[in-house]
């Protein structure tokens, strides 16, 4: 992505979550993600790994895979969770931050 300045997403952050299911469709032999039945069986307290992307000022993207503990499963199908990892490259996030995500953002279930 060619961007001369920091990209801000609609939720006013400089990162976005990967759609792991789209990536799997594009690269089925190298990328895995949970099945719908595995995702349906998730419950509060489970850990899931999400892929965070951050566009940088240097025309690149930093990628960090981090564990999030599910706090709420919402009626609209979204999830709220708590970051259970100390980010190494995405500075605006810290362990304990609340993260909202959808099933397509889930890369791995612990």
N, C-alpha and C. Protein backbone atom coordinates (compact mmCIF):
# COMPACT_ATOMS: atom_id res chain seq x y z
N UNK A 1 0.85 -1.16 0.00
CA UNK A 1 0.00 0.00 0.00
C UNK A 1 0.89 1.23 0.00
N UNK A 2 0.68 2.12 -0.93
CA UNK A 2 1.50 3.32 -1.01
C UNK A 2 0.79 4.47 -0.32
N UNK A 3 1.24 4.82 0.84
CA UNK A 3 0.67 5.91 1.61
C UNK A 3 1.80 6.73 2.20
N UNK A 4 1.79 8.02 1.96
CA UNK A 4 2.87 8.87 2.47
C UNK A 4 2.67 9.25 3.93
N UNK A 5 1.47 9.05 4.46
CA UNK A 5 1.24 9.37 5.86
C UNK A 5 0.57 8.19 6.55
N UNK A 6 0.52 8.25 7.85
CA UNK A 6 -0.08 7.19 8.65
C UNK A 6 -1.55 7.04 8.28
N UNK A 7 -1.98 5.85 7.99
CA UNK A 7 -3.38 5.60 7.67
C UNK A 7 -4.17 5.47 8.97
N UNK A 8 -5.34 6.08 8.99
CA UNK A 8 -6.23 5.94 10.14
C UNK A 8 -7.48 5.23 9.67
N UNK A 9 -7.88 4.18 10.38
CA UNK A 9 -9.06 3.43 9.99
C UNK A 9 -10.31 4.10 10.52
N UNK A 10 -11.47 3.55 10.17
CA UNK A 10 -12.74 4.16 10.58
C UNK A 10 -12.92 4.17 12.09
N UNK A 11 -12.25 3.29 12.83
CA UNK A 11 -12.35 3.31 14.28
C UNK A 11 -11.23 4.14 14.90
N UNK A 12 -10.64 5.03 14.07
CA UNK A 12 -9.64 6.00 14.52
C UNK A 12 -8.36 5.35 15.05
N UNK A 13 -7.98 4.24 14.45
CA UNK A 13 -6.72 3.59 14.79
C UNK A 13 -5.86 3.53 13.54
N UNK A 14 -4.60 3.24 13.71
CA UNK A 14 -3.72 3.12 12.55
C UNK A 14 -3.48 1.65 12.19
N UNK A 15 -4.27 0.77 12.75
CA UNK A 15 -4.14 -0.64 12.39
C UNK A 15 -5.49 -1.16 11.89
N UNK A 16 -5.44 -2.30 11.20
CA UNK A 16 -6.67 -2.98 10.81
C UNK A 16 -6.44 -4.47 10.98
N UNK A 17 -7.52 -5.20 11.15
CA UNK A 17 -7.44 -6.65 11.33
C UNK A 17 -7.56 -7.35 9.98
N UNK A 18 -6.72 -8.36 9.80
CA UNK A 18 -6.71 -9.16 8.58
C UNK A 18 -8.01 -9.95 8.46
N UNK A 19 -8.53 -10.06 7.26
CA UNK A 19 -9.64 -10.98 6.97
C UNK A 19 -8.99 -12.31 6.60
N UNK A 20 -8.83 -13.17 7.59
CA UNK A 20 -8.10 -14.42 7.42
C UNK A 20 -8.78 -15.37 6.45
N UNK A 21 -10.08 -15.29 6.33
CA UNK A 21 -10.79 -16.17 5.41
C UNK A 21 -10.54 -15.78 3.96
N UNK A 22 -10.44 -14.49 3.67
CA UNK A 22 -10.09 -14.04 2.32
C UNK A 22 -8.68 -14.47 1.97
N UNK A 23 -7.77 -14.37 2.93
CA UNK A 23 -6.38 -14.78 2.69
C UNK A 23 -6.33 -16.28 2.41
N UNK A 24 -7.12 -17.05 3.16
CA UNK A 24 -7.14 -18.51 2.94
C UNK A 24 -7.66 -18.84 1.55
N UNK A 25 -8.70 -18.14 1.10
CA UNK A 25 -9.24 -18.38 -0.24
C UNK A 25 -8.20 -18.06 -1.32
N UNK A 26 -7.44 -17.01 -1.11
CA UNK A 26 -6.42 -16.62 -2.07
C UNK A 26 -5.21 -17.55 -2.05
N UNK A 27 -4.90 -18.13 -0.88
CA UNK A 27 -3.71 -18.99 -0.71
C UNK A 27 -4.09 -20.24 0.09
N UNK A 28 -4.91 -21.13 -0.47
CA UNK A 28 -5.42 -22.26 0.30
C UNK A 28 -4.37 -23.28 0.75
N UNK A 29 -3.24 -23.34 0.09
CA UNK A 29 -2.22 -24.32 0.46
C UNK A 29 -1.28 -23.82 1.55
N UNK A 30 -1.29 -22.53 1.82
CA UNK A 30 -0.34 -22.00 2.80
C UNK A 30 -1.00 -21.33 4.00
N UNK A 31 -2.28 -21.05 3.93
CA UNK A 31 -2.96 -20.37 5.04
C UNK A 31 -4.11 -21.21 5.56
N UNK A 32 -4.19 -21.30 6.85
CA UNK A 32 -5.25 -22.03 7.53
C UNK A 32 -6.05 -21.05 8.37
N UNK A 33 -7.31 -21.36 8.60
CA UNK A 33 -8.13 -20.62 9.55
C UNK A 33 -9.20 -21.57 10.07
N UNK A 34 -9.79 -21.26 11.20
CA UNK A 34 -10.77 -22.17 11.80
C UNK A 34 -12.00 -22.36 10.92
N UNK A 35 -12.63 -23.51 11.07
CA UNK A 35 -13.87 -23.79 10.34
C UNK A 35 -15.03 -23.05 11.02
N UNK A 36 -16.14 -22.96 10.31
CA UNK A 36 -17.32 -22.32 10.90
C UNK A 36 -17.78 -23.03 12.16
N UNK A 37 -17.71 -24.37 12.18
CA UNK A 37 -18.14 -25.10 13.38
C UNK A 37 -17.20 -24.83 14.56
N UNK A 38 -15.90 -24.70 14.30
CA UNK A 38 -14.96 -24.35 15.38
C UNK A 38 -15.25 -22.95 15.91
N UNK A 39 -15.55 -22.03 15.02
CA UNK A 39 -15.85 -20.66 15.45
C UNK A 39 -17.17 -20.61 16.22
N UNK A 40 -18.16 -21.36 15.77
CA UNK A 40 -19.46 -21.38 16.45
C UNK A 40 -19.33 -21.91 17.87
N UNK A 41 -18.36 -22.77 18.12
CA UNK A 41 -18.20 -23.36 19.45
C UNK A 41 -17.41 -22.46 20.42
N UNK A 42 -16.95 -21.30 19.95
CA UNK A 42 -16.20 -20.40 20.83
C UNK A 42 -17.08 -19.91 21.98
N UNK A 43 -16.42 -19.70 23.12
CA UNK A 43 -17.15 -19.18 24.29
C UNK A 43 -16.29 -18.12 24.98
N UNK A 44 -16.93 -17.37 25.86
CA UNK A 44 -16.24 -16.35 26.62
C UNK A 44 -15.08 -17.00 27.38
N UNK A 45 -13.92 -16.38 27.32
CA UNK A 45 -12.72 -16.90 27.97
C UNK A 45 -11.78 -17.61 27.02
N UNK A 46 -12.26 -18.01 25.84
CA UNK A 46 -11.38 -18.67 24.86
C UNK A 46 -10.38 -17.67 24.30
N UNK A 47 -9.22 -18.19 23.88
CA UNK A 47 -8.18 -17.37 23.24
C UNK A 47 -8.21 -17.59 21.74
N UNK A 48 -8.14 -16.49 21.00
CA UNK A 48 -8.04 -16.54 19.55
C UNK A 48 -6.88 -15.67 19.11
N UNK A 49 -6.26 -16.06 18.00
CA UNK A 49 -5.17 -15.24 17.46
C UNK A 49 -5.71 -14.44 16.29
N UNK A 50 -5.43 -13.13 16.34
CA UNK A 50 -5.82 -12.21 15.28
C UNK A 50 -4.56 -11.67 14.62
N UNK A 51 -4.69 -11.27 13.36
CA UNK A 51 -3.56 -10.70 12.63
C UNK A 51 -3.81 -9.20 12.48
N UNK A 52 -2.95 -8.41 13.12
CA UNK A 52 -3.04 -6.95 13.10
C UNK A 52 -2.08 -6.42 12.04
N UNK A 53 -2.56 -5.50 11.22
CA UNK A 53 -1.75 -4.85 10.20
C UNK A 53 -1.71 -3.36 10.49
N UNK A 54 -0.54 -2.76 10.35
CA UNK A 54 -0.40 -1.33 10.53
C UNK A 54 0.37 -0.75 9.37
N UNK A 55 -0.25 0.20 8.68
CA UNK A 55 0.41 0.89 7.58
C UNK A 55 1.38 1.89 8.18
N UNK A 56 2.59 1.92 7.64
CA UNK A 56 3.62 2.80 8.20
C UNK A 56 3.86 4.01 7.30
N UNK A 57 4.56 4.97 7.83
CA UNK A 57 4.94 6.15 7.05
C UNK A 57 5.96 5.81 5.97
N UNK A 58 6.59 4.67 6.07
CA UNK A 58 7.62 4.26 5.12
C UNK A 58 7.05 3.44 3.98
N UNK A 59 5.75 3.61 3.70
CA UNK A 59 5.08 2.90 2.59
C UNK A 59 5.09 1.38 2.77
N UNK A 60 5.05 0.92 3.98
CA UNK A 60 5.02 -0.51 4.23
C UNK A 60 3.92 -0.85 5.22
N UNK A 61 3.82 -2.12 5.52
CA UNK A 61 2.84 -2.58 6.48
C UNK A 61 3.54 -3.48 7.49
N UNK A 62 3.34 -3.18 8.78
CA UNK A 62 3.82 -4.05 9.85
C UNK A 62 2.72 -5.04 10.17
N UNK A 63 3.09 -6.28 10.41
CA UNK A 63 2.12 -7.32 10.72
C UNK A 63 2.49 -7.94 12.04
N UNK A 64 1.49 -8.10 12.90
CA UNK A 64 1.73 -8.73 14.20
C UNK A 64 0.55 -9.63 14.52
N UNK A 65 0.86 -10.87 14.87
CA UNK A 65 -0.16 -11.85 15.25
C UNK A 65 -0.22 -11.90 16.77
N UNK A 66 -1.44 -11.67 17.32
CA UNK A 66 -1.54 -11.57 18.77
C UNK A 66 -2.78 -12.29 19.29
N UNK A 67 -2.64 -12.81 20.53
CA UNK A 67 -3.73 -13.51 21.20
C UNK A 67 -4.69 -12.51 21.84
N UNK A 68 -5.97 -12.81 21.70
CA UNK A 68 -7.03 -12.01 22.31
C UNK A 68 -7.96 -12.96 23.05
N UNK A 69 -8.27 -12.63 24.30
CA UNK A 69 -9.17 -13.44 25.12
C UNK A 69 -10.59 -12.90 24.95
N UNK A 70 -11.51 -13.78 24.52
CA UNK A 70 -12.89 -13.36 24.27
C UNK A 70 -13.57 -12.95 25.57
N UNK A 71 -14.12 -11.73 25.56
CA UNK A 71 -14.83 -11.18 26.71
C UNK A 71 -16.34 -11.22 26.49
N UNK A 72 -16.77 -10.95 25.24
CA UNK A 72 -18.19 -10.89 24.91
C UNK A 72 -18.41 -11.42 23.50
N UNK A 73 -19.48 -12.20 23.34
CA UNK A 73 -19.93 -12.60 22.01
C UNK A 73 -21.23 -11.83 21.79
N UNK A 74 -21.22 -10.90 20.85
CA UNK A 74 -22.33 -9.99 20.65
C UNK A 74 -23.40 -10.57 19.74
N UNK A 75 -24.62 -10.07 19.87
CA UNK A 75 -25.75 -10.56 19.08
C UNK A 75 -25.55 -10.36 17.58
N UNK A 76 -24.79 -9.34 17.20
CA UNK A 76 -24.58 -9.07 15.77
C UNK A 76 -23.48 -9.96 15.16
N UNK A 77 -22.95 -10.88 15.95
CA UNK A 77 -21.92 -11.78 15.45
C UNK A 77 -20.49 -11.29 15.68
N UNK A 78 -20.34 -10.10 16.21
CA UNK A 78 -19.00 -9.60 16.51
C UNK A 78 -18.57 -10.09 17.89
N UNK A 79 -17.31 -9.90 18.18
CA UNK A 79 -16.73 -10.30 19.45
C UNK A 79 -16.01 -9.10 20.06
N UNK A 80 -15.94 -9.09 21.37
CA UNK A 80 -15.09 -8.14 22.09
C UNK A 80 -14.12 -8.98 22.90
N UNK A 81 -12.88 -8.55 22.94
CA UNK A 81 -11.90 -9.31 23.68
C UNK A 81 -10.83 -8.40 24.25
N UNK A 82 -9.99 -8.98 25.07
CA UNK A 82 -8.89 -8.28 25.71
C UNK A 82 -7.57 -8.80 25.14
N UNK A 83 -6.73 -7.89 24.68
CA UNK A 83 -5.44 -8.26 24.14
C UNK A 83 -4.61 -8.94 25.23
N UNK A 84 -4.18 -10.17 24.97
CA UNK A 84 -3.43 -10.97 25.95
C UNK A 84 -1.99 -11.15 25.47
N UNK A 85 -1.39 -10.05 25.05
CA UNK A 85 -0.07 -10.10 24.44
C UNK A 85 0.52 -8.70 24.53
N UNK A 86 1.81 -8.59 24.71
CA UNK A 86 2.49 -7.29 24.66
C UNK A 86 2.98 -7.06 23.23
N UNK A 87 2.34 -6.15 22.50
CA UNK A 87 2.74 -5.91 21.11
C UNK A 87 4.20 -5.49 21.00
N UNK A 88 4.84 -5.96 19.95
CA UNK A 88 6.23 -5.62 19.71
C UNK A 88 6.38 -4.48 18.72
N UNK A 89 5.44 -4.38 17.75
CA UNK A 89 5.60 -3.38 16.70
C UNK A 89 4.45 -2.38 16.60
N UNK A 90 3.27 -2.72 17.06
CA UNK A 90 2.13 -1.81 16.96
C UNK A 90 2.02 -1.06 18.28
N UNK A 91 2.63 0.11 18.32
CA UNK A 91 2.82 0.86 19.55
C UNK A 91 1.56 1.37 20.21
N UNK A 92 0.48 1.59 19.46
CA UNK A 92 -0.72 2.14 20.08
C UNK A 92 -1.50 1.10 20.88
N UNK A 93 -1.12 -0.16 20.77
CA UNK A 93 -1.79 -1.23 21.52
C UNK A 93 -0.94 -1.67 22.69
N UNK A 94 -1.60 -2.05 23.75
CA UNK A 94 -0.94 -2.56 24.95
C UNK A 94 -1.73 -3.77 25.45
N UNK A 95 -1.06 -4.66 26.18
CA UNK A 95 -1.76 -5.77 26.82
C UNK A 95 -2.92 -5.21 27.64
N UNK A 96 -4.09 -5.81 27.49
CA UNK A 96 -5.26 -5.36 28.22
C UNK A 96 -6.19 -4.47 27.42
N UNK A 97 -5.75 -4.01 26.24
CA UNK A 97 -6.62 -3.19 25.38
C UNK A 97 -7.83 -4.01 24.93
N UNK A 98 -8.96 -3.35 24.82
CA UNK A 98 -10.16 -4.02 24.30
C UNK A 98 -10.12 -3.99 22.78
N UNK A 99 -10.39 -5.14 22.16
CA UNK A 99 -10.37 -5.30 20.72
C UNK A 99 -11.73 -5.82 20.27
N UNK A 100 -12.31 -5.20 19.26
CA UNK A 100 -13.56 -5.69 18.67
C UNK A 100 -13.20 -6.34 17.34
N UNK A 101 -13.77 -7.52 17.08
CA UNK A 101 -13.43 -8.26 15.87
C UNK A 101 -14.60 -9.12 15.42
N UNK A 102 -14.46 -9.70 14.23
CA UNK A 102 -15.49 -10.57 13.66
C UNK A 102 -14.87 -11.94 13.39
N UNK A 103 -15.72 -12.90 13.08
CA UNK A 103 -15.24 -14.28 12.90
C UNK A 103 -14.20 -14.39 11.79
N UNK A 104 -14.32 -13.56 10.76
CA UNK A 104 -13.35 -13.65 9.66
C UNK A 104 -11.96 -13.15 10.04
N UNK A 105 -11.84 -12.49 11.18
CA UNK A 105 -10.55 -12.03 11.67
C UNK A 105 -9.80 -13.07 12.47
N UNK A 106 -10.46 -14.19 12.79
CA UNK A 106 -9.84 -15.22 13.64
C UNK A 106 -8.93 -16.12 12.79
N UNK A 107 -7.65 -16.10 13.13
CA UNK A 107 -6.67 -16.91 12.40
C UNK A 107 -6.47 -18.28 13.06
N UNK A 108 -6.46 -18.30 14.38
CA UNK A 108 -6.19 -19.54 15.14
C UNK A 108 -7.03 -19.51 16.42
N UNK A 109 -7.51 -20.68 16.82
CA UNK A 109 -8.16 -20.85 18.12
C UNK A 109 -7.21 -21.66 18.98
N UNK A 110 -6.96 -21.20 20.20
CA UNK A 110 -6.05 -21.90 21.11
C UNK A 110 -6.72 -23.11 21.70
